[in-house]
C-alpha atoms as a PDB file:
ATOM      1  CA  MET A   1     -40.832 -14.546  57.389  1.00  0.00           C
ATOM      2  CA  PRO A   2     -42.041 -11.002  56.761  1.00  0.00           C
ATOM      3  CA  GLY A   3     -43.224  -9.069  59.800  1.00  0.00           C
ATOM      4  CA  GLU A   4     -46.953  -8.856  60.417  1.00  0.00           C
ATOM      5  CA  VAL A   5     -48.767  -5.522  60.383  1.00  0.00           C
ATOM      6  CA  PRO A   6     -52.491  -4.733  60.685  1.00  0.00           C
ATOM      7  CA  ALA A   7     -54.647  -5.047  57.569  1.00  0.00           C
ATOM      8  CA  ARG A   8     -54.577  -1.932  55.414  1.00  0.00           C
ATOM      9  CA  VAL A   9     -57.609   0.327  55.793  1.00  0.00           C
ATOM     10  CA  PRO A  10     -58.200   2.782  52.937  1.00  0.00           C
ATOM     11  CA  GLN A  11     -59.413   6.276  53.722  1.00  0.00           C
ATOM     12  CA  ALA A  12     -61.938   8.117  51.563  1.00  0.00           C
ATOM     13  CA  GLY A  13     -60.688   8.266  47.995  1.00  0.00           C
ATOM     14  CA  GLN A  14     -57.963   5.673  48.549  1.00  0.00           C
ATOM     15  CA  VAL A  15     -57.642   2.097  47.285  1.00  0.00           C
ATOM     16  CA  VAL A  16     -56.012  -1.095  48.551  1.00  0.00           C
ATOM     17  CA  VAL A  17     -53.803  -2.978  46.103  1.00  0.00           C
ATOM     18  CA  ALA A  18     -53.166  -6.690  46.656  1.00  0.00           C
ATOM     19  CA  VAL A  19     -49.499  -6.809  45.722  1.00  0.00           C
ATOM     20  CA  GLU A  20     -48.365  -9.432  43.221  1.00  0.00           C
ATOM     21  CA  ALA A  21     -44.912  -7.997  42.505  1.00  0.00           C
ATOM     22  CA  ALA A  22     -42.713  -5.277  44.008  1.00  0.00           C
ATOM     23  CA  GLY A  23     -39.633  -3.653  42.548  1.00  0.00           C
ATOM     24  CA  VAL A  24     -36.201  -3.721  44.162  1.00  0.00           C
ATOM     25  CA  GLY A  25     -34.189  -0.650  43.228  1.00  0.00           C
ATOM     26  CA  LEU A  26     -31.320   1.480  44.441  1.00  0.00           C
ATOM     27  CA  VAL A  27     -33.771   3.958  45.946  1.00  0.00           C
ATOM     28  CA  ASP A  28     -34.926   1.176  48.301  1.00  0.00           C
ATOM     29  CA  ALA A  29     -31.342   0.338  49.238  1.00  0.00           C
ATOM     30  CA  PHE A  30     -30.504   3.996  49.855  1.00  0.00           C
ATOM     31  CA  GLN A  31     -33.586   4.344  52.072  1.00  0.00           C
ATOM     32  CA  ARG A  32     -32.672   1.194  53.995  1.00  0.00           C
ATOM     33  CA  ARG A  33     -29.178   2.575  54.627  1.00  0.00           C
ATOM     34  CA  GLY A  34     -30.593   5.854  55.957  1.00  0.00           C
ATOM     35  CA  LEU A  35     -29.216   7.974  53.121  1.00  0.00           C
ATOM     36  CA  PHE A  36     -32.536   9.751  52.593  1.00  0.00           C
ATOM     37  CA  PRO A  37     -33.780  11.836  55.555  1.00  0.00           C
ATOM     38  CA  GLY A  38     -37.104  10.698  57.001  1.00  0.00           C
ATOM     39  CA  PHE A  39     -36.867   7.096  55.809  1.00  0.00           C
ATOM     40  CA  ASP A  40     -34.877   5.585  58.667  1.00  0.00           C
ATOM     41  CA  GLN A  41     -37.467   5.403  61.443  1.00  0.00           C
ATOM     42  CA  PRO A  42     -38.279   2.088  63.203  1.00  0.00           C
ATOM     43  CA  GLY A  43     -40.984   0.212  61.315  1.00  0.00           C
ATOM     44  CA  PHE A  44     -40.079   1.744  57.964  1.00  0.00           C
ATOM     45  CA  VAL A  45     -40.972  -0.567  55.048  1.00  0.00           C
ATOM     46  CA  PRO A  46     -39.152  -0.031  51.735  1.00  0.00           C
ATOM     47  CA  GLY A  47     -40.690  -0.529  48.321  1.00  0.00           C
ATOM     48  CA  ALA A  48     -41.422   2.348  45.947  1.00  0.00           C
ATOM     49  CA  GLU A  49     -43.312   0.453  43.228  1.00  0.00           C
ATOM     50  CA  VAL A  50     -45.804  -2.407  43.197  1.00  0.00           C
ATOM     51  CA  ALA A  51     -48.162  -4.112  40.787  1.00  0.00           C
ATOM     52  CA  GLY A  52     -51.319  -6.071  41.531  1.00  0.00           C
ATOM     53  CA  LYS A  53     -55.109  -5.885  41.749  1.00  0.00           C
ATOM     54  CA  VAL A  54     -57.260  -3.289  43.492  1.00  0.00           C
ATOM     55  CA  THR A  55     -59.298  -5.261  46.043  1.00  0.00           C
ATOM     56  CA  ARG A  56     -60.899  -2.587  48.238  1.00  0.00           C
ATOM     57  CA  VAL A  57     -61.740   1.105  48.025  1.00  0.00           C
ATOM     58  CA  GLY A  58     -62.305   3.684  50.713  1.00  0.00           C
ATOM     59  CA  SER A  59     -65.265   5.451  49.120  1.00  0.00           C
ATOM     60  CA  GLU A  60     -67.578   5.386  46.125  1.00  0.00           C
ATOM     61  CA  ASP A  61     -65.561   7.925  44.164  1.00  0.00           C
ATOM     62  CA  ALA A  62     -62.716   5.378  43.920  1.00  0.00           C
ATOM     63  CA  ARG A  63     -64.956   2.448  42.947  1.00  0.00           C
ATOM     64  CA  GLU A  64     -63.980   2.675  39.271  1.00  0.00           C
ATOM     65  CA  TRP A  65     -60.605   1.179  40.264  1.00  0.00           C
ATOM     66  CA  LEU A  66     -62.069  -1.906  41.967  1.00  0.00           C
ATOM     67  CA  GLY A  67     -60.759  -5.089  40.363  1.00  0.00           C
ATOM     68  CA  LYS A  68     -58.337  -3.228  38.087  1.00  0.00           C
ATOM     69  CA  HIS A  69     -54.823  -4.524  37.378  1.00  0.00           C
ATOM     70  CA  VAL A  70     -52.528  -1.613  38.239  1.00  0.00           C
ATOM     71  CA  PHE A  71     -48.993  -0.404  38.737  1.00  0.00           C
ATOM     72  CA  ALA A  72     -48.648   1.877  41.779  1.00  0.00           C
ATOM     73  CA  LEU A  73     -45.825   4.301  42.482  1.00  0.00           C
ATOM     74  CA  VAL A  74     -46.210   4.340  46.271  1.00  0.00           C
ATOM     75  CA  ARG A  75     -42.780   5.716  47.276  1.00  0.00           C
ATOM     76  CA  THR A  76     -42.559   3.472  50.395  1.00  0.00           C
ATOM     77  CA  GLY A  77     -44.241   0.414  51.920  1.00  0.00           C
ATOM     78  CA  GLY A  78     -44.281  -1.774  48.813  1.00  0.00           C
ATOM     79  CA  TYR A  79     -42.631  -4.820  50.382  1.00  0.00           C
ATOM     80  CA  ALA A  80     -45.975  -6.068  51.653  1.00  0.00           C
ATOM     81  CA  GLU A  81     -48.987  -8.173  50.737  1.00  0.00           C
ATOM     82  CA  GLU A  82     -51.164  -5.051  50.496  1.00  0.00           C
ATOM     83  CA  VAL A  83     -50.576  -1.333  50.062  1.00  0.00           C
ATOM     84  CA  VAL A  84     -52.834   1.687  50.322  1.00  0.00           C
ATOM     85  CA  ALA A  85     -52.556   4.049  47.370  1.00  0.00           C
ATOM     86  CA  GLU A  86     -54.085   7.221  46.025  1.00  0.00           C
ATOM     87  CA  PRO A  87     -55.715   6.955  42.583  1.00  0.00           C
ATOM     88  CA  ALA A  88     -53.200   9.523  41.317  1.00  0.00           C
ATOM     89  CA  GLN A  89     -50.448   6.987  42.044  1.00  0.00           C
ATOM     90  CA  LEU A  90     -52.028   4.287  39.850  1.00  0.00           C
ATOM     91  CA  ILE A  91     -51.279   3.403  36.237  1.00  0.00           C
ATOM     92  CA  PRO A  92     -53.539   0.793  34.579  1.00  0.00           C
ATOM     93  CA  ILE A  93     -51.707  -2.279  33.295  1.00  0.00           C
ATOM     94  CA  PRO A  94     -53.071  -3.351  29.896  1.00  0.00           C
ATOM     95  CA  PRO A  95     -53.968  -6.943  28.987  1.00  0.00           C
ATOM     96  CA  GLY A  96     -50.929  -8.832  27.786  1.00  0.00           C
ATOM     97  CA  LEU A  97     -48.568  -7.380  30.394  1.00  0.00           C
ATOM     98  CA  SER A  98     -47.907  -9.207  33.672  1.00  0.00           C
ATOM     99  CA  SER A  99     -47.306  -7.618  37.064  1.00  0.00           C
ATOM    100  CA  VAL A 100     -43.667  -8.719  36.927  1.00  0.00           C
ATOM    101  CA  GLU A 101     -43.209  -7.146  33.488  1.00  0.00           C
ATOM    102  CA  ALA A 102     -44.869  -3.931  34.646  1.00  0.00           C
ATOM    103  CA  ILE A 103     -42.407  -3.734  37.540  1.00  0.00           C
ATOM    104  CA  ALA A 104     -39.485  -4.468  35.200  1.00  0.00           C
ATOM    105  CA  LEU A 105     -40.492  -1.287  33.358  1.00  0.00           C
ATOM    106  CA  GLY A 106     -41.983   0.819  36.138  1.00  0.00           C
ATOM    107  CA  ILE A 107     -39.785   3.485  37.660  1.00  0.00           C
ATOM    108  CA  ASN A 108     -36.871   2.663  35.366  1.00  0.00           C
ATOM    109  CA  ALA A 109     -38.784   3.237  32.135  1.00  0.00           C
ATOM    110  CA  LEU A 110     -40.516   6.332  33.506  1.00  0.00           C
ATOM    111  CA  VAL A 111     -37.192   7.894  34.501  1.00  0.00           C
ATOM    112  CA  ALA A 112     -35.728   6.960  31.116  1.00  0.00           C
ATOM    113  CA  GLN A 113     -38.540   8.477  29.075  1.00  0.00           C
ATOM    114  CA  PHE A 114     -38.760  11.664  31.110  1.00  0.00           C
ATOM    115  CA  SER A 115     -34.976  12.032  30.805  1.00  0.00           C
ATOM    116  CA  LEU A 116     -35.219  11.900  27.017  1.00  0.00           C
ATOM    117  CA  LEU A 117     -38.126  14.337  27.089  1.00  0.00           C
ATOM    118  CA  ARG A 118     -36.089  16.675  29.296  1.00  0.00           C
ATOM    119  CA  ALA A 119     -33.195  16.420  26.839  1.00  0.00           C
ATOM    120  CA  GLY A 120     -35.458  17.219  23.884  1.00  0.00           C
ATOM    121  CA  LEU A 121     -34.003  14.298  21.938  1.00  0.00           C
ATOM    122  CA  ARG A 122     -34.263  14.527  18.155  1.00  0.00           C
ATOM    123  CA  ALA A 123     -33.882  11.780  15.564  1.00  0.00           C
ATOM    124  CA  GLY A 124     -30.324  11.404  14.305  1.00  0.00           C
ATOM    125  CA  GLU A 125     -28.674  12.828  17.415  1.00  0.00           C
ATOM    126  CA  ARG A 126     -25.798  11.073  19.151  1.00  0.00           C
ATOM    127  CA  VAL A 127     -26.662   9.838  22.639  1.00  0.00           C
ATOM    128  CA  LEU A 128     -24.265   8.500  25.270  1.00  0.00           C
ATOM    129  CA  VAL A 129     -25.811   6.323  27.992  1.00  0.00           C
ATOM    130  CA  ARG A 130     -23.835   5.617  31.152  1.00  0.00           C
ATOM    131  CA  GLY A 131     -24.791   2.507  33.120  1.00  0.00           C
ATOM    132  CA  ALA A 132     -26.492   1.094  30.039  1.00  0.00           C
ATOM    133  CA  GLY A 133     -26.651  -2.422  31.480  1.00  0.00           C
ATOM    134  CA  GLY A 134     -28.706  -1.288  34.475  1.00  0.00           C
ATOM    135  CA  GLY A 135     -32.469  -0.902  34.676  1.00  0.00           C
ATOM    136  CA  ILE A 136     -32.685   2.802  33.822  1.00  0.00           C
ATOM    137  CA  GLY A 137     -29.871   2.643  31.289  1.00  0.00           C
ATOM    138  CA  MET A 138     -31.354  -0.267  29.381  1.00  0.00           C
ATOM    139  CA  SER A 139     -34.681   1.557  29.123  1.00  0.00           C
ATOM    140  CA  VAL A 140     -32.923   4.715  27.913  1.00  0.00           C
ATOM    141  CA  VAL A 141     -31.103   2.703  25.243  1.00  0.00           C
ATOM    142  CA  GLN A 142     -34.277   1.091  23.906  1.00  0.00           C
ATOM    143  CA  LEU A 143     -36.299   4.302  23.930  1.00  0.00           C
ATOM    144  CA  ALA A 144     -33.539   6.410  22.369  1.00  0.00           C
ATOM    145  CA  VAL A 145     -33.013   3.892  19.557  1.00  0.00           C
ATOM    146  CA  SER A 146     -36.765   3.759  18.936  1.00  0.00           C
ATOM    147  CA  GLN A 147     -36.747   7.559  18.601  1.00  0.00           C
ATOM    148  CA  GLY A 148     -34.062   7.465  15.912  1.00  0.00           C
ATOM    149  CA  ALA A 149     -30.993   8.299  17.990  1.00  0.00           C
ATOM    150  CA  ARG A 150     -27.481   6.958  17.417  1.00  0.00           C
ATOM    151  CA  VAL A 151     -26.657   5.377  20.767  1.00  0.00           C
ATOM    152  CA  THR A 152     -23.320   4.678  22.412  1.00  0.00           C
ATOM    153  CA  ALA A 153     -23.704   2.551  25.537  1.00  0.00           C
ATOM    154  CA  ILE A 154     -21.287   2.298  28.460  1.00  0.00           C
ATOM    155  CA  THR A 155     -21.466  -0.849  30.567  1.00  0.00           C
ATOM    156  CA  THR A 156     -19.354  -3.574  32.145  1.00  0.00           C
ATOM    157  CA  GLU A 157     -17.882  -6.460  30.194  1.00  0.00           C
ATOM    158  CA  ALA A 158     -20.218  -8.849  32.033  1.00  0.00           C
ATOM    159  CA  ARG A 159     -23.317  -6.918  30.986  1.00  0.00           C
ATOM    160  CA  ALA A 160     -22.358  -6.076  27.405  1.00  0.00           C
ATOM    161  CA  SER A 161     -23.989  -9.176  25.897  1.00  0.00           C
ATOM    162  CA  SER A 162     -27.369  -8.140  27.321  1.00  0.00           C
ATOM    163  CA  LEU A 163     -27.365  -5.112  24.998  1.00  0.00           C
ATOM    164  CA  ALA A 164     -26.989  -7.158  21.818  1.00  0.00           C
ATOM    165  CA  GLY A 165     -29.777  -6.740  19.301  1.00  0.00           C
ATOM    166  CA  LEU A 166     -31.012  -3.404  20.660  1.00  0.00           C
ATOM    167  CA  GLY A 167     -29.763  -1.314  17.727  1.00  0.00           C
ATOM    168  CA  ILE A 168     -26.883   0.307  19.582  1.00  0.00           C
ATOM    169  CA  GLU A 169     -24.187   1.931  17.446  1.00  0.00           C
ATOM    170  CA  SER A 170     -21.354   1.023  19.831  1.00  0.00           C
ATOM    171  CA  VAL A 171     -20.808  -0.493  23.283  1.00  0.00           C
ATOM    172  CA  VAL A 172     -17.897   0.797  25.380  1.00  0.00           C
ATOM    173  CA  ASP A 173     -16.432  -0.972  28.393  1.00  0.00           C
ATOM    174  CA  ARG A 174     -16.803   1.065  31.557  1.00  0.00           C
ATOM    175  CA  GLN A 175     -13.082   0.803  32.340  1.00  0.00           C
ATOM    176  CA  ALA A 176     -12.172   2.537  29.068  1.00  0.00           C
ATOM    177  CA  ALA A 177     -15.054   5.008  28.906  1.00  0.00           C
ATOM    178  CA  SER A 178     -13.202   8.016  30.309  1.00  0.00           C
ATOM    179  CA  GLY A 179     -11.051   8.035  27.156  1.00  0.00           C
ATOM    180  CA  LEU A 180     -14.062   8.025  24.844  1.00  0.00           C
ATOM    181  CA  PRO A 181     -14.047  10.912  22.318  1.00  0.00           C
ATOM    182  CA  GLY A 182     -16.727  13.553  22.843  1.00  0.00           C
ATOM    183  CA  GLY A 183     -19.206  15.140  20.483  1.00  0.00           C
ATOM    184  CA  PHE A 184     -22.463  13.843  21.967  1.00  0.00           C
ATOM    185  CA  ASP A 185     -25.696  15.782  21.634  1.00  0.00           C
ATOM    186  CA  VAL A 186     -27.218  14.128  24.702  1.00  0.00           C
ATOM    187  CA  ILE A 187     -25.756  12.246  27.659  1.00  0.00           C
ATOM    188  CA  VAL A 188     -28.084  10.398  30.031  1.00  0.00           C
ATOM    189  CA  ASP A 189     -26.458   9.450  33.324  1.00  0.00           C
ATOM    190  CA  PRO A 190     -27.903   7.344  36.176  1.00  0.00           C
ATOM    191  CA  VAL A 191     -24.391   6.777  37.568  1.00  0.00           C
ATOM    192  CA  ALA A 192     -22.804  10.148  38.583  1.00  0.00           C
ATOM    193  CA  GLY A 193     -19.837   9.376  40.874  1.00  0.00           C
ATOM    194  CA  PRO A 194     -16.341  10.866  40.700  1.00  0.00           C
ATOM    195  CA  GLN A 195     -16.195  10.692  36.879  1.00  0.00           C
ATOM    196  CA  LEU A 196     -19.158  13.000  36.302  1.00  0.00           C
ATOM    197  CA  ALA A 197     -16.930  15.985  35.500  1.00  0.00           C
ATOM    198  CA  THR A 198     -15.101  13.928  32.867  1.00  0.00           C
ATOM    199  CA  PHE A 199     -18.296  13.002  31.073  1.00  0.00           C
ATOM    200  CA  LEU A 200     -19.634  16.552  31.153  1.00  0.00           C
ATOM    201  CA  GLN A 201     -16.743  17.413  28.836  1.00  0.00           C
ATOM    202  CA  LYS A 202     -18.000  14.950  26.214  1.00  0.00           C
ATOM    203  CA  LEU A 203     -20.932  17.111  25.127  1.00  0.00           C
ATOM    204  CA  ARG A 204     -20.804  18.877  21.795  1.00  0.00           C
ATOM    205  CA  PRO A 205     -21.714  22.604  21.661  1.00  0.00           C
ATOM    206  CA  ASN A 206     -25.313  23.089  22.848  1.00  0.00           C
ATOM    207  CA  GLY A 207     -25.309  19.538  24.210  1.00  0.00           C
ATOM    208  CA  ARG A 208     -27.668  18.409  26.982  1.00  0.00           C
ATOM    209  CA  TYR A 209     -26.668  16.310  29.986  1.00  0.00           C
ATOM    210  CA  VAL A 210     -29.424  14.689  32.081  1.00  0.00           C
ATOM    211  CA  LEU A 211     -28.404  13.294  35.466  1.00  0.00           C
ATOM    212  CA  ASN A 212     -31.105  10.974  36.818  1.00  0.00           C
ATOM    213  CA  GLY A 213     -29.309   8.892  39.441  1.00  0.00           C
ATOM    214  CA  VAL A 214     -26.265   8.510  41.670  1.00  0.00           C
ATOM    215  CA  ALA A 215     -25.590   4.770  41.470  1.00  0.00           C
ATOM    216  CA  ALA A 216     -21.844   5.372  41.906  1.00  0.00           C
ATOM    217  CA  GLY A 217     -22.302   8.016  44.592  1.00  0.00           C
ATOM    218  CA  PHE A 218     -22.145  11.794  44.516  1.00  0.00           C
ATOM    219  CA  PRO A 219     -19.620  13.630  42.328  1.00  0.00           C
ATOM    220  CA  ALA A 220     -16.733  15.662  43.696  1.00  0.00           C
ATOM    221  CA  PRO A 221     -17.909  18.949  45.258  1.00  0.00           C
ATOM    222  CA  ASP A 222     -16.069  20.976  42.603  1.00  0.00           C
ATOM    223  CA  PHE A 223     -17.397  19.084  39.564  1.00  0.00           C
ATOM    224  CA  GLY A 224     -19.147  22.242  38.383  1.00  0.00           C
ATOM    225  CA  THR A 225     -15.844  24.045  37.895  1.00  0.00           C
ATOM    226  CA  GLY A 226     -14.978  21.856  34.930  1.00  0.00           C
ATOM    227  CA  PHE A 227     -18.477  22.264  33.556  1.00  0.00           C
ATOM    228  CA  LEU A 228     -18.089  26.042  33.576  1.00  0.00           C
ATOM    229  CA  THR A 229     -14.914  25.829  31.504  1.00  0.00           C
ATOM    230  CA  GLY A 230     -17.213  24.893  28.614  1.00  0.00           C
ATOM    231  CA  PHE A 231     -19.290  28.049  29.084  1.00  0.00           C
ATOM    232  CA  ALA A 232     -18.748  29.158  25.482  1.00  0.00           C
ATOM    233  CA  HIS A 233     -20.338  25.932  24.228  1.00  0.00           C
ATOM    234  CA  SER A 234     -23.620  26.627  26.086  1.00  0.00           C
ATOM    235  CA  PRO A 235     -24.033  23.150  27.608  1.00  0.00           C
ATOM    236  CA  THR A 236     -27.112  22.260  29.638  1.00  0.00           C
ATOM    237  CA  LEU A 237     -27.048  20.161  32.824  1.00  0.00           C
ATOM    238  CA  SER A 238     -30.432  18.948  34.099  1.00  0.00           C
ATOM    239  CA  LEU A 239     -31.315  16.884  37.156  1.00  0.00           C
ATOM    240  CA  LEU A 240     -34.311  14.580  36.737  1.00  0.00           C
ATOM    241  CA  SER A 241     -36.437  13.133  39.545  1.00  0.00           C
ATOM    242  CA  LEU A 242     -39.919  11.666  39.200  1.00  0.00           C
ATOM    243  CA  ASP A 243     -40.836  13.504  42.404  1.00  0.00           C
ATOM    244  CA  SER A 244     -40.948  16.753  40.416  1.00  0.00           C
ATOM    245  CA  ILE A 245     -43.310  15.457  37.726  1.00  0.00           C
ATOM    246  CA  ASP A 246     -47.080  15.812  37.933  1.00  0.00           C
ATOM    247  CA  PRO A 247     -48.779  12.443  38.678  1.00  0.00           C
ATOM    248  CA  ALA A 248     -51.181  12.863  35.758  1.00  0.00           C
ATOM    249  CA  GLU A 249     -48.222  13.263  33.399  1.00  0.00           C
ATOM    250  CA  GLN A 250     -46.533  10.227  34.943  1.00  0.00           C
ATOM    251  CA  SER A 251     -49.707   8.201  34.391  1.00  0.00           C
ATOM    252  CA  ALA A 252     -50.049   9.248  30.755  1.00  0.00           C
ATOM    253  CA  VAL A 253     -46.416   8.467  29.962  1.00  0.00           C
ATOM    254  CA  GLY A 254     -46.576   5.237  31.969  1.00  0.00           C
ATOM    255  CA  GLN A 255     -49.580   4.017  29.988  1.00  0.00           C
ATOM    256  CA  SER A 256     -47.785   4.772  26.724  1.00  0.00           C
ATOM    257  CA  LEU A 257     -44.731   2.818  27.900  1.00  0.00           C
ATOM    258  CA  PHE A 258     -46.859  -0.176  28.880  1.00  0.00           C
ATOM    259  CA  GLU A 259     -48.487  -0.129  25.439  1.00  0.00           C
ATOM    260  CA  LEU A 260     -45.035  -0.122  23.838  1.00  0.00           C
ATOM    261  CA  ALA A 261     -44.216  -3.204  25.900  1.00  0.00           C
ATOM    262  CA  VAL A 262     -47.392  -5.017  24.840  1.00  0.00           C
ATOM    263  CA  THR A 263     -46.357  -4.570  21.202  1.00  0.00           C
ATOM    264  CA  ARG A 264     -42.730  -5.525  22.104  1.00  0.00           C
ATOM    265  CA  ARG A 265     -41.340  -2.189  20.990  1.00  0.00           C
ATOM    266  CA  LEU A 266     -40.038  -1.876  24.550  1.00  0.00           C
ATOM    267  CA  VAL A 267     -38.849  -5.114  26.138  1.00  0.00           C
ATOM    268  CA  PRO A 268     -39.101  -5.526  29.935  1.00  0.00           C
ATOM    269  CA  ARG A 269     -35.905  -7.092  31.284  1.00  0.00           C
ATOM    270  CA  VAL A 270     -36.328  -9.145  34.460  1.00  0.00           C
ATOM    271  CA  GLY A 271     -32.955  -9.908  36.002  1.00  0.00           C
ATOM    272  CA  LYS A 272     -33.917 -12.057  38.977  1.00  0.00           C
ATOM    273  CA  THR A 273     -36.964 -12.761  41.143  1.00  0.00           C
ATOM    274  CA  PHE A 274     -37.172 -13.502  44.860  1.00  0.00           C
ATOM    275  CA  PRO A 275     -40.078 -14.322  47.181  1.00  0.00           C
ATOM    276  CA  LEU A 276     -41.026 -11.441  49.470  1.00  0.00           C
ATOM    277  CA  GLU A 277     -39.473 -13.094  52.518  1.00  0.00           C
ATOM    278  CA  GLN A 278     -36.075 -12.998  50.768  1.00  0.00           C
ATOM    279  CA  ALA A 279     -36.018  -9.211  50.369  1.00  0.00           C
ATOM    280  CA  ALA A 280     -32.699  -9.014  52.238  1.00  0.00           C
ATOM    281  CA  GLN A 281     -31.091 -11.409  49.754  1.00  0.00           C
ATOM    282  CA  ALA A 282     -32.570  -9.382  46.895  1.00  0.00           C
ATOM    283  CA  HIS A 283     -30.913  -6.236  48.257  1.00  0.00           C
ATOM    284  CA  ALA A 284     -27.587  -8.036  48.584  1.00  0.00           C
ATOM    285  CA  VAL A 285     -27.738  -9.124  44.942  1.00  0.00           C
ATOM    286  CA  LEU A 286     -28.771  -5.618  43.854  1.00  0.00           C
ATOM    287  CA  GLU A 287     -25.840  -4.008  45.622  1.00  0.00           C
ATOM    288  CA  GLU A 288     -23.373  -6.462  44.066  1.00  0.00           C
ATOM    289  CA  GLY A 289     -24.278  -4.795  40.755  1.00  0.00           C
ATOM    290  CA  GLN A 290     -23.974  -7.934  38.647  1.00  0.00           C
ATOM    291  CA  VAL A 291     -27.606  -8.568  37.666  1.00  0.00           C
ATOM    292  CA  THR A 292     -28.819  -7.294  34.301  1.00  0.00           C
ATOM    293  CA  GLY A 293     -32.446  -6.216  34.385  1.00  0.00           C
ATOM    294  CA  LYS A 294     -34.882  -5.572  37.215  1.00  0.00           C
ATOM    295  CA  ILE A 295     -34.902  -7.478  40.492  1.00  0.00           C
ATOM    296  CA  VAL A 296     -38.497  -8.258  41.461  1.00  0.00           C
ATOM    297  CA  LEU A 297     -40.081  -9.536  44.681  1.00  0.00           C
ATOM    298  CA  LEU A 298     -42.948 -11.985  44.211  1.00  0.00           C
ATOM    299  CA  VAL A 299     -45.767 -11.805  46.740  1.00  0.00           C
END
């Protein structure tokens, strides 16, 4: 059973969200393993994203949120029955979208869309997506196709079927991807790992590479040496974290993504659900890397 903690008490301006669903992502696993400084203290509760109803507010200026169905990007503490959040962390969930579906989009879709915005994607450009069968990758694929890009997706053989019907130009098995010819305008990468330097070489002149995750671990310390050999081609390498993006901008983009989902122009993919008390099992399944779509805790 989950551990018991005192009832959440909102301070002035804050709200309490009764959690209906919480996301399980690699950021939670990394925090649990102590890979992020400051997140390994006794009593730490993982959970960066939740969805549910606002049940209490700390002051009158937050009363407009009372009773609202919301997604909250809380950073930590989401594996709980209630969380305290700032209004700036909330994104309204429109009618027609469930809490589970909102979580299936959530951080993954936000990272995907901001990555494409950072890349300045234009219709007709060739886009390579690493880890396309994962949560971020699948969102990148759908959004890039919807914006008129020609998408090549890299994934495992087991996950390839999940990408069928998404308008992808080609799907490449991960084991053969290092031999893929280059010439891509944009590469979006939530994987990193030791092959990062290889994929940096697959940009065309003036290409843009957006690194938004390290699912396969950090690259070799000298990966930048290979990147600099392409100096004459003026490549761009960007790192993308939601932590650097203004909350108001996150909210605006998040609302637009939820509206796309309501009209089925962006399809939430739920891989597997677990009750809250099985969070440990959910992490084990996540780290096996075999589930396609988002793992969600039900509260």
